[in-house]
Amino acid sequence: ILKSTGLDAYIQVVVSADDVVNHKPHPDTFLQVAEQLGVNPANCLVFEDTQIGLQAGRAAGMETVLVLEGELYQR
């Protein structure tokens, strides 16, 4: 999907549930992304559409934002 829409040009790293042992609400997915990007998790901002995703982002030490139907609900 990323390639067909051209969005792959803007995304350096993709990590899915298939790439980690512990899935959300564990922070592993987000921590792996930060590691691959070479950035401190505290400098990351997570946009999520589920409470479990928010929980995982916070457990990773990242700022989080809930996005539902195009609206930002938490930060």
PDB file of N, CA and C in Angstrom:
ATOM      1  N   ILE A   1       0.842  -1.197   0.000  1.00  0.00           N
ATOM      2  CA  ILE A   1       0.000   0.000   0.000  1.00  0.00           C
ATOM      3  C   ILE A   1       0.878   1.249   0.000  1.00  0.00           C
ATOM      4  N   LEU A   2       1.942   1.223   0.823  1.00  0.00           N
ATOM      5  CA  LEU A   2       2.810   2.400   0.884  1.00  0.00           C
ATOM      6  C   LEU A   2       3.422   2.703  -0.475  1.00  0.00           C
ATOM      7  N   LYS A   3       3.890   1.674  -1.171  1.00  0.00           N
ATOM      8  CA  LYS A   3       4.492   1.890  -2.492  1.00  0.00           C
ATOM      9  C   LYS A   3       3.466   2.372  -3.505  1.00  0.00           C
ATOM     10  N   SER A   4       2.290   1.774  -3.501  1.00  0.00           N
ATOM     11  CA  SER A   4       1.290   2.135  -4.505  1.00  0.00           C
ATOM     12  C   SER A   4       0.779   3.561  -4.332  1.00  0.00           C
ATOM     13  N   THR A   5       0.865   4.093  -3.106  1.00  0.00           N
ATOM     14  CA  THR A   5       0.410   5.463  -2.864  1.00  0.00           C
ATOM     15  C   THR A   5       1.548   6.480  -2.892  1.00  0.00           C
ATOM     16  N   GLY A   6       2.793   5.980  -2.951  1.00  0.00           N
ATOM     17  CA  GLY A   6       3.943   6.873  -2.941  1.00  0.00           C
ATOM     18  C   GLY A   6       4.381   7.292  -1.551  1.00  0.00           C
ATOM     19  N   LEU A   7       3.696   6.805  -0.534  1.00  0.00           N
ATOM     20  CA  LEU A   7       4.040   7.170   0.840  1.00  0.00           C
ATOM     21  C   LEU A   7       5.350   6.539   1.305  1.00  0.00           C
ATOM     22  N   ASP A   8       5.797   5.488   0.630  1.00  0.00           N
ATOM     23  CA  ASP A   8       7.051   4.842   1.018  1.00  0.00           C
ATOM     24  C   ASP A   8       8.238   5.795   0.927  1.00  0.00           C
ATOM     25  N   ALA A   9       8.124   6.837   0.134  1.00  0.00           N
ATOM     26  CA  ALA A   9       9.203   7.828   0.009  1.00  0.00           C
ATOM     27  C   ALA A   9       9.357   8.650   1.285  1.00  0.00           C
ATOM     28  N   TYR A  10       8.353   8.642   2.126  1.00  0.00           N
ATOM     29  CA  TYR A  10       8.364   9.460   3.340  1.00  0.00           C
ATOM     30  C   TYR A  10       8.554   8.640   4.619  1.00  0.00           C
ATOM     31  N   ILE A  11       8.549   7.332   4.503  1.00  0.00           N
ATOM     32  CA  ILE A  11       8.615   6.467   5.677  1.00  0.00           C
ATOM     33  C   ILE A  11       9.901   5.654   5.618  1.00  0.00           C
ATOM     34  N   GLN A  12      10.766   5.864   6.613  1.00  0.00           N
ATOM     35  CA  GLN A  12      12.074   5.211   6.627  1.00  0.00           C
ATOM     36  C   GLN A  12      12.033   3.816   7.223  1.00  0.00           C
ATOM     37  N   VAL A  13      11.132   3.576   8.161  1.00  0.00           N
ATOM     38  CA  VAL A  13      11.103   2.320   8.899  1.00  0.00           C
ATOM     39  C   VAL A  13       9.658   1.850   9.038  1.00  0.00           C
ATOM     40  N   VAL A  14       9.453   0.555   8.826  1.00  0.00           N
ATOM     41  CA  VAL A  14       8.149  -0.051   9.068  1.00  0.00           C
ATOM     42  C   VAL A  14       8.372  -1.268   9.964  1.00  0.00           C
ATOM     43  N   VAL A  15       7.687  -1.292  11.102  1.00  0.00           N
ATOM     44  CA  VAL A  15       7.735  -2.424  12.012  1.00  0.00           C
ATOM     45  C   VAL A  15       6.296  -2.845  12.279  1.00  0.00           C
ATOM     46  N   SER A  16       6.022  -4.124  12.081  1.00  0.00           N
ATOM     47  CA  SER A  16       4.670  -4.630  12.316  1.00  0.00           C
ATOM     48  C   SER A  16       4.683  -5.632  13.459  1.00  0.00           C
ATOM     49  N   ALA A  17       3.519  -6.128  13.801  1.00  0.00           N
ATOM     50  CA  ALA A  17       3.403  -7.122  14.860  1.00  0.00           C
ATOM     51  C   ALA A  17       4.200  -8.382  14.525  1.00  0.00           C
ATOM     52  N   ASP A  18       4.392  -8.651  13.245  1.00  0.00           N
ATOM     53  CA  ASP A  18       5.174  -9.820  12.831  1.00  0.00           C
ATOM     54  C   ASP A  18       6.655  -9.675  13.151  1.00  0.00           C
ATOM     55  N   ASP A  19       7.103  -8.454  13.443  1.00  0.00           N
ATOM     56  CA  ASP A  19       8.526  -8.180  13.665  1.00  0.00           C
ATOM     57  C   ASP A  19       8.937  -8.204  15.129  1.00  0.00           C
ATOM     58  N   VAL A  20       7.987  -8.377  16.042  1.00  0.00           N
ATOM     59  CA  VAL A  20       8.298  -8.369  17.477  1.00  0.00           C
ATOM     60  C   VAL A  20       7.670  -9.578  18.161  1.00  0.00           C
ATOM     61  N   VAL A  21       8.253  -9.948  19.297  1.00  0.00           N
ATOM     62  CA  VAL A  21       7.724 -11.070  20.072  1.00  0.00           C
ATOM     63  C   VAL A  21       6.545 -10.620  20.921  1.00  0.00           C
ATOM     64  N   ASN A  22       6.714  -9.502  21.609  1.00  0.00           N
ATOM     65  CA  ASN A  22       5.677  -8.985  22.501  1.00  0.00           C
ATOM     66  C   ASN A  22       4.883  -7.894  21.798  1.00  0.00           C
ATOM     67  N   HIS A  23       3.614  -8.139  21.613  1.00  0.00           N
ATOM     68  CA  HIS A  23       2.760  -7.191  20.895  1.00  0.00           C
ATOM     69  C   HIS A  23       2.164  -6.168  21.857  1.00  0.00           C
ATOM     70  N   LYS A  24       1.534  -5.142  21.291  1.00  0.00           N
ATOM     71  CA  LYS A  24       0.867  -4.129  22.100  1.00  0.00           C
ATOM     72  C   LYS A  24      -0.080  -4.813  23.072  1.00  0.00           C
ATOM     73  N   PRO A  25      -0.111  -4.404  24.300  1.00  0.00           N
ATOM     74  CA  PRO A  25       0.306  -3.135  24.869  1.00  0.00           C
ATOM     75  C   PRO A  25       1.771  -3.062  25.293  1.00  0.00           C
ATOM     76  N   HIS A  26       2.555  -4.085  25.000  1.00  0.00           N
ATOM     77  CA  HIS A  26       3.992  -4.001  25.261  1.00  0.00           C
ATOM     78  C   HIS A  26       4.614  -2.965  24.322  1.00  0.00           C
ATOM     79  N   PRO A  27       5.686  -2.323  24.712  1.00  0.00           N
ATOM     80  CA  PRO A  27       6.270  -1.241  23.925  1.00  0.00           C
ATOM     81  C   PRO A  27       7.212  -1.686  22.802  1.00  0.00           C
ATOM     82  N   ASP A  28       7.383  -2.992  22.619  1.00  0.00           N
ATOM     83  CA  ASP A  28       8.415  -3.505  21.721  1.00  0.00           C
ATOM     84  C   ASP A  28       8.367  -2.928  20.301  1.00  0.00           C
ATOM     85  N   THR A  29       7.186  -2.822  19.728  1.00  0.00           N
ATOM     86  CA  THR A  29       7.058  -2.304  18.361  1.00  0.00           C
ATOM     87  C   THR A  29       7.619  -0.891  18.265  1.00  0.00           C
ATOM     88  N   PHE A  30       7.224  -0.034  19.182  1.00  0.00           N
ATOM     89  CA  PHE A  30       7.675   1.351  19.154  1.00  0.00           C
ATOM     90  C   PHE A  30       9.160   1.473  19.471  1.00  0.00           C
ATOM     91  N   LEU A  31       9.632   0.664  20.397  1.00  0.00           N
ATOM     92  CA  LEU A  31      11.053   0.717  20.737  1.00  0.00           C
ATOM     93  C   LEU A  31      11.923   0.243  19.573  1.00  0.00           C
ATOM     94  N   GLN A  32      11.449  -0.746  18.834  1.00  0.00           N
ATOM     95  CA  GLN A  32      12.200  -1.219  17.668  1.00  0.00           C
ATOM     96  C   GLN A  32      12.274  -0.139  16.596  1.00  0.00           C
ATOM     97  N   VAL A  33      11.197   0.578  16.381  1.00  0.00           N
ATOM     98  CA  VAL A  33      11.208   1.685  15.417  1.00  0.00           C
ATOM     99  C   VAL A  33      12.229   2.741  15.827  1.00  0.00           C
ATOM    100  N   ALA A  34      12.196   3.145  17.093  1.00  0.00           N
ATOM    101  CA  ALA A  34      13.146   4.153  17.577  1.00  0.00           C
ATOM    102  C   ALA A  34      14.580   3.673  17.400  1.00  0.00           C
ATOM    103  N   GLU A  35      14.826   2.407  17.708  1.00  0.00           N
ATOM    104  CA  GLU A  35      16.172   1.861  17.558  1.00  0.00           C
ATOM    105  C   GLU A  35      16.625   1.889  16.099  1.00  0.00           C
ATOM    106  N   GLN A  36      15.749   1.463  15.201  1.00  0.00           N
ATOM    107  CA  GLN A  36      16.102   1.441  13.781  1.00  0.00           C
ATOM    108  C   GLN A  36      16.326   2.852  13.230  1.00  0.00           C
ATOM    109  N   LEU A  37      15.611   3.826  13.773  1.00  0.00           N
ATOM    110  CA  LEU A  37      15.803   5.219  13.351  1.00  0.00           C
ATOM    111  C   LEU A  37      16.992   5.874  14.036  1.00  0.00           C
ATOM    112  N   GLY A  38      17.473   5.238  15.110  1.00  0.00           N
ATOM    113  CA  GLY A  38      18.590   5.802  15.863  1.00  0.00           C
ATOM    114  C   GLY A  38      18.200   7.018  16.677  1.00  0.00           C
ATOM    115  N   VAL A  39      16.984   6.998  17.219  1.00  0.00           N
ATOM    116  CA  VAL A  39      16.504   8.131  18.014  1.00  0.00           C
ATOM    117  C   VAL A  39      16.127   7.682  19.424  1.00  0.00           C
ATOM    118  N   ASN A  40      16.158   8.615  20.339  1.00  0.00           N
ATOM    119  CA  ASN A  40      15.760   8.372  21.714  1.00  0.00           C
ATOM    120  C   ASN A  40      14.231   8.276  21.766  1.00  0.00           C
ATOM    121  N   PRO A  41      13.679   7.217  22.366  1.00  0.00           N
ATOM    122  CA  PRO A  41      12.216   7.100  22.455  1.00  0.00           C
ATOM    123  C   PRO A  41      11.543   8.330  23.074  1.00  0.00           C
ATOM    124  N   ALA A  42      12.225   9.004  23.983  1.00  0.00           N
ATOM    125  CA  ALA A  42      11.648  10.199  24.615  1.00  0.00           C
ATOM    126  C   ALA A  42      11.452  11.330  23.617  1.00  0.00           C
ATOM    127  N   ASN A  43      12.084  11.244  22.465  1.00  0.00           N
ATOM    128  CA  ASN A  43      11.948  12.271  21.427  1.00  0.00           C
ATOM    129  C   ASN A  43      10.937  11.874  20.350  1.00  0.00           C
ATOM    130  N   CYS A  44      10.159  10.828  20.606  1.00  0.00           N
ATOM    131  CA  CYS A  44       9.208  10.317  19.616  1.00  0.00           C
ATOM    132  C   CYS A  44       7.776  10.711  19.970  1.00  0.00           C
ATOM    133  N   LEU A  45       6.964  10.819  18.951  1.00  0.00           N
ATOM    134  CA  LEU A  45       5.540  11.106  19.099  1.00  0.00           C
ATOM    135  C   LEU A  45       4.763  10.006  18.392  1.00  0.00           C
ATOM    136  N   VAL A  46       3.882   9.346  19.116  1.00  0.00           N
ATOM    137  CA  VAL A  46       3.089   8.236  18.601  1.00  0.00           C
ATOM    138  C   VAL A  46       1.665   8.702  18.336  1.00  0.00           C
ATOM    139  N   PHE A  47       1.168   8.440  17.137  1.00  0.00           N
ATOM    140  CA  PHE A  47      -0.238   8.652  16.808  1.00  0.00           C
ATOM    141  C   PHE A  47      -0.879   7.273  16.768  1.00  0.00           C
ATOM    142  N   GLU A  48      -1.900   7.064  17.574  1.00  0.00           N
ATOM    143  CA  GLU A  48      -2.539   5.761  17.680  1.00  0.00           C
ATOM    144  C   GLU A  48      -4.050   5.900  17.606  1.00  0.00           C
ATOM    145  N   ASP A  49      -4.697   4.795  17.191  1.00  0.00           N
ATOM    146  CA  ASP A  49      -6.153   4.813  17.105  1.00  0.00           C
ATOM    147  C   ASP A  49      -6.806   3.854  18.100  1.00  0.00           C
ATOM    148  N   THR A  50      -6.006   3.325  19.037  1.00  0.00           N
ATOM    149  CA  THR A  50      -6.564   2.439  20.063  1.00  0.00           C
ATOM    150  C   THR A  50      -5.948   2.760  21.421  1.00  0.00           C
ATOM    151  N   GLN A  51      -6.665   2.401  22.474  1.00  0.00           N
ATOM    152  CA  GLN A  51      -6.138   2.581  23.826  1.00  0.00           C
ATOM    153  C   GLN A  51      -4.937   1.672  24.063  1.00  0.00           C
ATOM    154  N   ILE A  52      -4.954   0.475  23.491  1.00  0.00           N
ATOM    155  CA  ILE A  52      -3.820  -0.443  23.640  1.00  0.00           C
ATOM    156  C   ILE A  52      -2.578   0.158  22.989  1.00  0.00           C
ATOM    157  N   GLY A  53      -2.752   0.802  21.855  1.00  0.00           N
ATOM    158  CA  GLY A  53      -1.633   1.466  21.187  1.00  0.00           C
ATOM    159  C   GLY A  53      -1.089   2.618  22.022  1.00  0.00           C
ATOM    160  N   LEU A  54      -1.985   3.386  22.620  1.00  0.00           N
ATOM    161  CA  LEU A  54      -1.549   4.471  23.506  1.00  0.00           C
ATOM    162  C   LEU A  54      -0.761   3.923  24.685  1.00  0.00           C
ATOM    163  N   GLN A  55      -1.244   2.840  25.240  1.00  0.00           N
ATOM    164  CA  GLN A  55      -0.574   2.202  26.367  1.00  0.00           C
ATOM    165  C   GLN A  55       0.835   1.760  25.960  1.00  0.00           C
ATOM    166  N   ALA A  56       0.983   1.199  24.782  1.00  0.00           N
ATOM    167  CA  ALA A  56       2.287   0.745  24.290  1.00  0.00           C
ATOM    168  C   ALA A  56       3.232   1.922  24.063  1.00  0.00           C
ATOM    169  N   GLY A  57       2.727   2.990  23.477  1.00  0.00           N
ATOM    170  CA  GLY A  57       3.548   4.176  23.255  1.00  0.00           C
ATOM    171  C   GLY A  57       4.029   4.790  24.553  1.00  0.00           C
ATOM    172  N   ARG A  58       3.150   4.870  25.506  1.00  0.00           N
ATOM    173  CA  ARG A  58       3.523   5.420  26.818  1.00  0.00           C
ATOM    174  C   ARG A  58       4.528   4.514  27.525  1.00  0.00           C
ATOM    175  N   ALA A  59       4.339   3.190  27.399  1.00  0.00           N
ATOM    176  CA  ALA A  59       5.279   2.244  28.007  1.00  0.00           C
ATOM    177  C   ALA A  59       6.662   2.355  27.375  1.00  0.00           C
ATOM    178  N   ALA A  60       6.706   2.814  26.132  1.00  0.00           N
ATOM    179  CA  ALA A  60       7.985   3.023  25.441  1.00  0.00           C
ATOM    180  C   ALA A  60       8.633   4.346  25.836  1.00  0.00           C
ATOM    181  N   GLY A  61       7.910   5.158  26.627  1.00  0.00           N
ATOM    182  CA  GLY A  61       8.431   6.453  27.047  1.00  0.00           C
ATOM    183  C   GLY A  61       8.232   7.538  26.015  1.00  0.00           C
ATOM    184  N   MET A  62       7.264   7.350  25.130  1.00  0.00           N
ATOM    185  CA  MET A  62       6.996   8.292  24.041  1.00  0.00           C
ATOM    186  C   MET A  62       5.748   9.112  24.328  1.00  0.00           C
ATOM    187  N   GLU A  63       5.700  10.314  23.777  1.00  0.00           N
ATOM    188  CA  GLU A  63       4.471  11.107  23.809  1.00  0.00           C
ATOM    189  C   GLU A  63       3.450  10.412  22.922  1.00  0.00           C
ATOM    190  N   THR A  64       2.188  10.458  23.295  1.00  0.00           N
ATOM    191  CA  THR A  64       1.164   9.772  22.520  1.00  0.00           C
ATOM    192  C   THR A  64      -0.019  10.687  22.214  1.00  0.00           C
ATOM    193  N   VAL A  65      -0.643  10.415  21.085  1.00  0.00           N
ATOM    194  CA  VAL A  65      -1.851  11.137  20.669  1.00  0.00           C
ATOM    195  C   VAL A  65      -2.849  10.113  20.155  1.00  0.00           C
ATOM    196  N   LEU A  66      -4.072  10.171  20.656  1.00  0.00           N
ATOM    197  CA  LEU A  66      -5.149   9.319  20.167  1.00  0.00           C
ATOM    198  C   LEU A  66      -5.822  10.035  18.993  1.00  0.00           C
ATOM    199  N   VAL A  67      -5.984   9.313  17.897  1.00  0.00           N
ATOM    200  CA  VAL A  67      -6.637   9.867  16.710  1.00  0.00           C
ATOM    201  C   VAL A  67      -7.834   8.982  16.380  1.00  0.00           C
ATOM    202  N   LEU A  68      -9.018   9.582  16.443  1.00  0.00           N
ATOM    203  CA  LEU A  68     -10.243   8.863  16.097  1.00  0.00           C
ATOM    204  C   LEU A  68     -11.027   9.680  15.088  1.00  0.00           C
ATOM    205  N   GLU A  69     -11.325   9.066  13.967  1.00  0.00           N
ATOM    206  CA  GLU A  69     -12.097   9.715  12.907  1.00  0.00           C
ATOM    207  C   GLU A  69     -11.521  11.073  12.539  1.00  0.00           C
ATOM    208  N   GLY A  70     -10.186  11.133  12.487  1.00  0.00           N
ATOM    209  CA  GLY A  70      -9.510  12.355  12.071  1.00  0.00           C
ATOM    210  C   GLY A  70      -9.359  13.412  13.140  1.00  0.00           C
ATOM    211  N   GLU A  71      -9.806  13.142  14.347  1.00  0.00           N
ATOM    212  CA  GLU A  71      -9.720  14.106  15.447  1.00  0.00           C
ATOM    213  C   GLU A  71      -8.667  13.681  16.457  1.00  0.00           C
ATOM    214  N   LEU A  72      -7.884  14.647  16.954  1.00  0.00           N
ATOM    215  CA  LEU A  72      -6.892  14.397  17.988  1.00  0.00           C
ATOM    216  C   LEU A  72      -7.559  14.500  19.346  1.00  0.00           C
ATOM    217  N   TYR A  73      -7.393  13.475  20.183  1.00  0.00           N
ATOM    218  CA  TYR A  73      -8.086  13.444  21.465  1.00  0.00           C
ATOM    219  C   TYR A  73      -7.195  13.538  22.688  1.00  0.00           C
ATOM    220  N   GLN A  74      -5.967  13.073  22.611  1.00  0.00           N
ATOM    221  CA  GLN A  74      -5.098  13.111  23.782  1.00  0.00           C
ATOM    222  C   GLN A  74      -3.686  13.422  23.342  1.00  0.00           C
ATOM    223  N   ARG A  75      -2.969  14.012  24.260  1.00  0.00           N
ATOM    224  CA  ARG A  75      -1.547  14.172  24.015  1.00  0.00           C
ATOM    225  C   ARG A  75      -0.833  14.129  25.327  1.00  0.00           C
TER     226      ARG A  75
END
